[in-house]
Amino acid sequence: MFISDFLDICDPVLTFDKFMEGIDLTKYLDKLPARETGRVRYNPVNMLKTVLFGF
């Protein structure tokens, strides 16, 4: 089963995600420092989308 099977096509989460996919966010997030130790970094684009949707 997929989560998209339970969501309506007009769901705000899906609409926001499709809108944000049309924006090239990598040009704003390209100067991230390299991590060589510690845990794996979150995907910065997905994290920004999550925070923006929360607001």
PDB file of N, CA and C in Angstrom:
ATOM      1  N   MET A   1       0.825  -1.173   0.000  1.00  0.00           N
ATOM      2  CA  MET A   1       0.000   0.000   0.000  1.00  0.00           C
ATOM      3  C   MET A   1       0.880   1.251   0.000  1.00  0.00           C
ATOM      4  N   PHE A   2       0.411   2.246  -0.673  1.00  0.00           N
ATOM      5  CA  PHE A   2       1.099   3.525  -0.731  1.00  0.00           C
ATOM      6  C   PHE A   2       0.269   4.573  -0.007  1.00  0.00           C
ATOM      7  N   ILE A   3       0.941   5.551   0.585  1.00  0.00           N
ATOM      8  CA  ILE A   3       0.222   6.620   1.283  1.00  0.00           C
ATOM      9  C   ILE A   3      -0.617   7.427   0.308  1.00  0.00           C
ATOM     10  N   SER A   4      -0.178   7.499  -0.956  1.00  0.00           N
ATOM     11  CA  SER A   4      -0.937   8.261  -1.950  1.00  0.00           C
ATOM     12  C   SER A   4      -2.289   7.620  -2.247  1.00  0.00           C
ATOM     13  N   ASP A   5      -2.462   6.348  -1.916  1.00  0.00           N
ATOM     14  CA  ASP A   5      -3.757   5.697  -2.106  1.00  0.00           C
ATOM     15  C   ASP A   5      -4.818   6.254  -1.153  1.00  0.00           C
ATOM     16  N   PHE A   6      -4.373   6.830  -0.031  1.00  0.00           N
ATOM     17  CA  PHE A   6      -5.303   7.332   0.972  1.00  0.00           C
ATOM     18  C   PHE A   6      -5.508   8.842   0.892  1.00  0.00           C
ATOM     19  N   LEU A   7      -4.711   9.538   0.095  1.00  0.00           N
ATOM     20  CA  LEU A   7      -4.803  10.990   0.021  1.00  0.00           C
ATOM     21  C   LEU A   7      -5.578  11.422  -1.215  1.00  0.00           C
ATOM     22  N   ASP A   8      -6.367  12.452  -1.046  1.00  0.00           N
ATOM     23  CA  ASP A   8      -7.116  13.040  -2.154  1.00  0.00           C
ATOM     24  C   ASP A   8      -6.157  13.848  -3.027  1.00  0.00           C
ATOM     25  N   ILE A   9      -6.444  13.961  -4.309  1.00  0.00           N
ATOM     26  CA  ILE A   9      -5.590  14.703  -5.232  1.00  0.00           C
ATOM     27  C   ILE A   9      -5.523  16.179  -4.853  1.00  0.00           C
ATOM     28  N   CYS A  10      -6.514  16.694  -4.160  1.00  0.00           N
ATOM     29  CA  CYS A  10      -6.545  18.099  -3.742  1.00  0.00           C
ATOM     30  C   CYS A  10      -6.030  18.291  -2.323  1.00  0.00           C
ATOM     31  N   ASP A  11      -5.398  17.288  -1.760  1.00  0.00           N
ATOM     32  CA  ASP A  11      -4.869  17.388  -0.412  1.00  0.00           C
ATOM     33  C   ASP A  11      -3.814  18.495  -0.345  1.00  0.00           C
ATOM     34  N   PRO A  12      -3.815  19.319   0.697  1.00  0.00           N
ATOM     35  CA  PRO A  12      -2.864  20.427   0.773  1.00  0.00           C
ATOM     36  C   PRO A  12      -1.398  19.984   0.766  1.00  0.00           C
ATOM     37  N   VAL A  13      -1.098  18.830   1.353  1.00  0.00           N
ATOM     38  CA  VAL A  13       0.284  18.348   1.370  1.00  0.00           C
ATOM     39  C   VAL A  13       0.752  18.040  -0.040  1.00  0.00           C
ATOM     40  N   LEU A  14      -0.063  17.339  -0.810  1.00  0.00           N
ATOM     41  CA  LEU A  14       0.318  17.007  -2.182  1.00  0.00           C
ATOM     42  C   LEU A  14       0.418  18.254  -3.049  1.00  0.00           C
ATOM     43  N   THR A  15      -0.503  19.182  -2.883  1.00  0.00           N
ATOM     44  CA  THR A  15      -0.476  20.420  -3.652  1.00  0.00           C
ATOM     45  C   THR A  15       0.782  21.216  -3.339  1.00  0.00           C
ATOM     46  N   PHE A  16       1.123  21.344  -2.064  1.00  0.00           N
ATOM     47  CA  PHE A  16       2.325  22.080  -1.671  1.00  0.00           C
ATOM     48  C   PHE A  16       3.572  21.397  -2.201  1.00  0.00           C
ATOM     49  N   ASP A  17       3.636  20.075  -2.132  1.00  0.00           N
ATOM     50  CA  ASP A  17       4.799  19.341  -2.613  1.00  0.00           C
ATOM     51  C   ASP A  17       4.983  19.531  -4.119  1.00  0.00           C
ATOM     52  N   LYS A  18       3.928  19.454  -4.877  1.00  0.00           N
ATOM     53  CA  LYS A  18       4.023  19.664  -6.325  1.00  0.00           C
ATOM     54  C   LYS A  18       4.465  21.085  -6.649  1.00  0.00           C
ATOM     55  N   PHE A  19       3.965  22.060  -5.888  1.00  0.00           N
ATOM     56  CA  PHE A  19       4.363  23.449  -6.078  1.00  0.00           C
ATOM     57  C   PHE A  19       5.855  23.630  -5.801  1.00  0.00           C
ATOM     58  N   MET A  20       6.338  23.045  -4.696  1.00  0.00           N
ATOM     59  CA  MET A  20       7.744  23.198  -4.318  1.00  0.00           C
ATOM     60  C   MET A  20       8.681  22.452  -5.254  1.00  0.00           C
ATOM     61  N   GLU A  21       8.214  21.389  -5.899  1.00  0.00           N
ATOM     62  CA  GLU A  21       9.050  20.672  -6.860  1.00  0.00           C
ATOM     63  C   GLU A  21       9.375  21.535  -8.075  1.00  0.00           C
ATOM     64  N   GLY A  22       8.526  22.507  -8.362  1.00  0.00           N
ATOM     65  CA  GLY A  22       8.755  23.395  -9.494  1.00  0.00           C
ATOM     66  C   GLY A  22       9.782  24.476  -9.224  1.00  0.00           C
ATOM     67  N   ILE A  23      10.222  24.619  -7.985  1.00  0.00           N
ATOM     68  CA  ILE A  23      11.203  25.634  -7.607  1.00  0.00           C
ATOM     69  C   ILE A  23      12.557  24.967  -7.426  1.00  0.00           C
ATOM     70  N   ASP A  24      13.589  25.547  -8.015  1.00  0.00           N
ATOM     71  CA  ASP A  24      14.939  24.997  -7.880  1.00  0.00           C
ATOM     72  C   ASP A  24      15.548  25.508  -6.578  1.00  0.00           C
ATOM     73  N   LEU A  25      15.417  24.735  -5.524  1.00  0.00           N
ATOM     74  CA  LEU A  25      15.897  25.143  -4.210  1.00  0.00           C
ATOM     75  C   LEU A  25      17.383  24.878  -4.020  1.00  0.00           C
ATOM     76  N   THR A  26      17.987  24.100  -4.882  1.00  0.00           N
ATOM     77  CA  THR A  26      19.399  23.767  -4.709  1.00  0.00           C
ATOM     78  C   THR A  26      20.296  24.991  -4.855  1.00  0.00           C
ATOM     79  N   LYS A  27      19.856  25.991  -5.606  1.00  0.00           N
ATOM     80  CA  LYS A  27      20.686  27.192  -5.746  1.00  0.00           C
ATOM     81  C   LYS A  27      20.743  27.986  -4.444  1.00  0.00           C
ATOM     82  N   TYR A  28      19.777  27.804  -3.561  1.00  0.00           N
ATOM     83  CA  TYR A  28      19.780  28.474  -2.270  1.00  0.00           C
ATOM     84  C   TYR A  28      20.472  27.643  -1.197  1.00  0.00           C
ATOM     85  N   LEU A  29      20.606  26.361  -1.429  1.00  0.00           N
ATOM     86  CA  LEU A  29      21.153  25.453  -0.419  1.00  0.00           C
ATOM     87  C   LEU A  29      22.469  24.824  -0.866  1.00  0.00           C
ATOM     88  N   ASP A  30      23.212  25.494  -1.722  1.00  0.00           N
ATOM     89  CA  ASP A  30      24.415  24.883  -2.287  1.00  0.00           C
ATOM     90  C   ASP A  30      25.659  25.069  -1.432  1.00  0.00           C
ATOM     91  N   LYS A  31      25.650  25.941  -0.451  1.00  0.00           N
ATOM     92  CA  LYS A  31      26.840  26.215   0.340  1.00  0.00           C
ATOM     93  C   LYS A  31      26.816  25.526   1.708  1.00  0.00           C
ATOM     94  N   LEU A  32      26.332  24.315   1.742  1.00  0.00           N
ATOM     95  CA  LEU A  32      26.306  23.560   2.988  1.00  0.00           C
ATOM     96  C   LEU A  32      27.680  22.962   3.254  1.00  0.00           C
ATOM     97  N   PRO A  33      28.158  23.031   4.481  1.00  0.00           N
ATOM     98  CA  PRO A  33      29.468  22.437   4.782  1.00  0.00           C
ATOM     99  C   PRO A  33      29.410  20.916   4.690  1.00  0.00           C
ATOM    100  N   ALA A  34      30.516  20.340   4.278  1.00  0.00           N
ATOM    101  CA  ALA A  34      30.592  18.877   4.166  1.00  0.00           C
ATOM    102  C   ALA A  34      30.649  18.256   5.556  1.00  0.00           C
ATOM    103  N   ARG A  35      29.934  17.165   5.748  1.00  0.00           N
ATOM    104  CA  ARG A  35      29.943  16.436   7.017  1.00  0.00           C
ATOM    105  C   ARG A  35      30.749  15.166   6.829  1.00  0.00           C
ATOM    106  N   GLU A  36      31.750  14.987   7.642  1.00  0.00           N
ATOM    107  CA  GLU A  36      32.580  13.789   7.529  1.00  0.00           C
ATOM    108  C   GLU A  36      32.417  12.868   8.730  1.00  0.00           C
ATOM    109  N   THR A  37      31.868  13.394   9.818  1.00  0.00           N
ATOM    110  CA  THR A  37      31.639  12.567  11.004  1.00  0.00           C
ATOM    111  C   THR A  37      30.196  12.757  11.458  1.00  0.00           C
ATOM    112  N   GLY A  38      29.772  11.910  12.342  1.00  0.00           N
ATOM    113  CA  GLY A  38      28.415  12.025  12.875  1.00  0.00           C
ATOM    114  C   GLY A  38      27.404  11.287  12.019  1.00  0.00           C
ATOM    115  N   ARG A  39      26.153  11.551  12.300  1.00  0.00           N
ATOM    116  CA  ARG A  39      25.088  10.856  11.582  1.00  0.00           C
ATOM    117  C   ARG A  39      24.874  11.462  10.200  1.00  0.00           C
ATOM    118  N   VAL A  40      24.126  10.767   9.393  1.00  0.00           N
ATOM    119  CA  VAL A  40      23.837  11.213   8.044  1.00  0.00           C
ATOM    120  C   VAL A  40      22.952  12.456   8.109  1.00  0.00           C
ATOM    121  N   ARG A  41      23.252  13.434   7.271  1.00  0.00           N
ATOM    122  CA  ARG A  41      22.517  14.697   7.248  1.00  0.00           C
ATOM    123  C   ARG A  41      21.146  14.497   6.611  1.00  0.00           C
ATOM    124  N   TYR A  42      20.170  15.253   7.105  1.00  0.00           N
ATOM    125  CA  TYR A  42      18.858  15.264   6.467  1.00  0.00           C
ATOM    126  C   TYR A  42      18.975  15.899   5.089  1.00  0.00           C
ATOM    127  N   ASN A  43      18.084  15.517   4.187  1.00  0.00           N
ATOM    128  CA  ASN A  43      18.034  16.157   2.879  1.00  0.00           C
ATOM    129  C   ASN A  43      17.568  17.599   3.105  1.00  0.00           C
ATOM    130  N   PRO A  44      18.391  18.605   2.769  1.00  0.00           N
ATOM    131  CA  PRO A  44      18.027  19.987   3.087  1.00  0.00           C
ATOM    132  C   PRO A  44      16.791  20.482   2.337  1.00  0.00           C
ATOM    133  N   VAL A  45      16.561  19.991   1.137  1.00  0.00           N
ATOM    134  CA  VAL A  45      15.383  20.407   0.370  1.00  0.00           C
ATOM    135  C   VAL A  45      14.118  19.872   1.039  1.00  0.00           C
ATOM    136  N   ASN A  46      14.123  18.616   1.423  1.00  0.00           N
ATOM    137  CA  ASN A  46      12.954  18.046   2.103  1.00  0.00           C
ATOM    138  C   ASN A  46      12.721  18.699   3.466  1.00  0.00           C
ATOM    139  N   MET A  47      13.793  19.031   4.177  1.00  0.00           N
ATOM    140  CA  MET A  47      13.645  19.690   5.470  1.00  0.00           C
ATOM    141  C   MET A  47      13.049  21.084   5.294  1.00  0.00           C
ATOM    142  N   LEU A  48      13.493  21.821   4.278  1.00  0.00           N
ATOM    143  CA  LEU A  48      12.941  23.158   4.029  1.00  0.00           C
ATOM    144  C   LEU A  48      11.463  23.063   3.662  1.00  0.00           C
ATOM    145  N   LYS A  49      11.094  22.091   2.835  1.00  0.00           N
ATOM    146  CA  LYS A  49       9.679  21.916   2.476  1.00  0.00           C
ATOM    147  C   LYS A  49       8.834  21.609   3.711  1.00  0.00           C
ATOM    148  N   THR A  50       9.345  20.799   4.617  1.00  0.00           N
ATOM    149  CA  THR A  50       8.617  20.445   5.829  1.00  0.00           C
ATOM    150  C   THR A  50       8.400  21.676   6.716  1.00  0.00           C
ATOM    151  N   VAL A  51       9.448  22.460   6.888  1.00  0.00           N
ATOM    152  CA  VAL A  51       9.338  23.657   7.730  1.00  0.00           C
ATOM    153  C   VAL A  51       8.385  24.674   7.105  1.00  0.00           C
ATOM    154  N   LEU A  52       8.508  24.911   5.806  1.00  0.00           N
ATOM    155  CA  LEU A  52       7.628  25.872   5.138  1.00  0.00           C
ATOM    156  C   LEU A  52       6.171  25.426   5.189  1.00  0.00           C
ATOM    157  N   PHE A  53       5.911  24.141   5.021  1.00  0.00           N
ATOM    158  CA  PHE A  53       4.532  23.668   5.093  1.00  0.00           C
ATOM    159  C   PHE A  53       3.984  23.829   6.503  1.00  0.00           C
ATOM    160  N   GLY A  54       4.826  23.663   7.512  1.00  0.00           N
ATOM    161  CA  GLY A  54       4.406  23.834   8.890  1.00  0.00           C
ATOM    162  C   GLY A  54       3.967  25.257   9.203  1.00  0.00           C
ATOM    163  N   PHE A  55       4.616  26.220   8.556  1.00  0.00           N
ATOM    164  CA  PHE A  55       4.221  27.614   8.762  1.00  0.00           C
ATOM    165  C   PHE A  55       2.971  27.921   8.008  1.00  0.00           C
TER     166      PHE A  55
END
